[in-house]
């Protein structure tokens, strides 16, 4: 559902005459945002969220938003294969049958580093 909504919004932006395109996708309590000017200006790729005082300093934040932002940046830089590989690694790590670690926001007990390493290993 998230992918469908994001794709529809991206398609709308591509058809519209707006000079600035913004793509956002929700990941748990975090959103991934990419501000994509028409390559005439620098782009911005970042996970956006609140201050997250409940996870601050505990090393339990979900790293998927940051990793996904990097994938979006690679796509913007003309590396669609690299983006696709990262997205596949995220998706395979999150498969229901996967024994990959889950951070607390996904019902697990893993630390940020554990999930990040699992995604890196899936690459």
Protein backbone atom coordinates (compact mmCIF):
# COMPACT_ATOMS: atom_id res chain seq x y z
CA UNK A 1 0.00 0.00 0.00
CA UNK A 2 2.81 2.41 0.87
CA UNK A 3 4.56 1.69 -2.42
CA UNK A 4 1.32 2.25 -4.37
CA UNK A 5 0.67 5.60 -2.72
CA UNK A 6 4.26 6.72 -3.19
CA UNK A 7 4.23 5.63 -6.83
CA UNK A 8 0.97 7.46 -7.50
CA UNK A 9 2.32 10.62 -5.88
CA UNK A 10 5.60 10.35 -7.80
CA UNK A 11 3.70 9.86 -11.05
CA UNK A 12 1.56 12.91 -10.30
CA UNK A 13 4.65 15.01 -9.60
CA UNK A 14 6.23 13.80 -12.83
CA UNK A 15 3.16 14.93 -14.81
CA UNK A 16 2.69 18.21 -12.99
CA UNK A 17 4.49 21.37 -13.90
CA UNK A 18 5.96 21.76 -10.42
CA UNK A 19 9.66 22.44 -10.46
CA UNK A 20 10.29 20.71 -7.18
CA UNK A 21 9.28 17.11 -6.55
CA UNK A 22 8.92 15.74 -3.05
CA UNK A 23 8.60 12.02 -2.46
CA UNK A 24 7.83 10.63 0.98
CA UNK A 25 7.25 7.08 2.09
CA UNK A 26 6.32 5.90 5.55
CA UNK A 27 8.52 3.39 7.35
CA UNK A 28 7.26 2.50 10.84
CA UNK A 29 7.18 5.77 12.81
CA UNK A 30 9.65 7.28 10.37
CA UNK A 31 9.16 8.79 6.94
CA UNK A 32 11.72 8.84 4.16
CA UNK A 33 11.76 12.12 2.34
CA UNK A 34 13.53 13.06 -0.84
CA UNK A 35 13.37 16.54 -2.26
CA UNK A 36 14.30 16.16 -5.90
CA UNK A 37 14.79 19.34 -7.87
CA UNK A 38 15.08 18.78 -11.59
CA UNK A 39 18.86 18.31 -11.19
CA UNK A 40 19.34 22.06 -11.40
CA UNK A 41 19.93 22.36 -7.65
CA UNK A 42 21.26 20.08 -4.90
CA UNK A 43 18.91 17.36 -3.69
CA UNK A 44 18.05 16.38 -0.13
CA UNK A 45 17.61 12.79 1.05
CA UNK A 46 16.82 12.17 4.69
CA UNK A 47 14.73 10.15 7.06
CA UNK A 48 12.37 12.53 8.84
CA UNK A 49 10.86 12.02 12.24
CA UNK A 50 10.41 13.68 15.59
CA UNK A 51 13.10 13.96 18.23
CA UNK A 52 12.45 10.34 19.35
CA UNK A 53 13.26 10.86 23.04
CA UNK A 54 12.06 7.32 23.75
CA UNK A 55 14.91 5.79 21.74
CA UNK A 56 17.60 8.44 22.20
CA UNK A 57 20.88 6.92 23.36
CA UNK A 58 19.54 3.36 23.46
CA UNK A 59 20.84 2.18 20.04
CA UNK A 60 17.40 0.78 19.17
CA UNK A 61 16.36 3.15 16.37
CA UNK A 62 15.23 1.51 13.14
CA UNK A 63 17.96 2.22 10.52
CA UNK A 64 15.80 1.42 7.49
CA UNK A 65 14.79 5.05 6.86
CA UNK A 66 18.42 6.15 6.68
CA UNK A 67 19.41 3.23 4.47
CA UNK A 68 16.43 3.82 2.16
CA UNK A 69 17.34 7.52 1.90
CA UNK A 70 20.78 6.49 0.69
CA UNK A 71 19.18 4.23 -1.92
CA UNK A 72 17.07 7.13 -3.17
CA UNK A 73 20.19 9.30 -3.39
CA UNK A 74 22.00 6.65 -5.44
CA UNK A 75 19.06 6.50 -7.85
CA UNK A 76 19.17 10.28 -8.23
CA UNK A 77 22.90 10.07 -8.95
CA UNK A 78 22.24 7.70 -11.84
CA UNK A 79 22.80 4.40 -10.04
CA UNK A 80 19.41 2.65 -10.30
CA UNK A 81 20.98 -0.81 -9.99
CA UNK A 82 22.55 0.14 -6.66
CA UNK A 83 19.22 1.54 -5.45
CA UNK A 84 17.43 -1.63 -6.51
CA UNK A 85 19.97 -3.82 -4.73
CA UNK A 86 19.54 -1.89 -1.48
CA UNK A 87 15.74 -1.97 -1.70
CA UNK A 88 15.85 -5.74 -2.38
CA UNK A 89 18.12 -6.19 0.66
CA UNK A 90 15.67 -4.25 2.85
CA UNK A 91 12.71 -6.21 1.50
CA UNK A 92 14.38 -9.60 1.91
CA UNK A 93 15.40 -8.72 5.46
CA UNK A 94 11.79 -7.81 6.27
CA UNK A 95 10.22 -10.92 4.70
CA UNK A 96 7.80 -12.55 7.16
CA UNK A 97 9.78 -15.81 7.20
CA UNK A 98 13.10 -14.06 7.67
CA UNK A 99 14.93 -14.65 10.93
CA UNK A 100 16.58 -11.23 10.58
CA UNK A 101 16.67 -9.06 13.69
CA UNK A 102 13.84 -6.60 14.32
CA UNK A 103 14.11 -3.35 16.23
CA UNK A 104 11.53 -2.66 18.97
CA UNK A 105 9.32 -0.57 16.66
CA UNK A 106 8.82 -3.77 14.63
CA UNK A 107 8.14 -5.93 17.66
CA UNK A 108 11.71 -7.18 18.14
CA UNK A 109 14.52 -6.61 20.58
CA UNK A 110 17.41 -5.95 18.19
CA UNK A 111 19.68 -2.96 18.27
CA UNK A 112 20.16 -0.53 15.40
CA UNK A 113 23.50 -2.08 14.47
CA UNK A 114 22.04 -5.61 14.32
CA UNK A 115 19.37 -4.68 11.77
CA UNK A 116 21.83 -2.56 9.77
CA UNK A 117 24.29 -5.45 9.58
CA UNK A 118 21.51 -7.84 8.51
CA UNK A 119 20.58 -5.53 5.63
CA UNK A 120 24.24 -5.13 4.65
CA UNK A 121 24.66 -8.91 4.68
CA UNK A 122 21.63 -9.25 2.38
CA UNK A 123 23.43 -7.10 -0.20
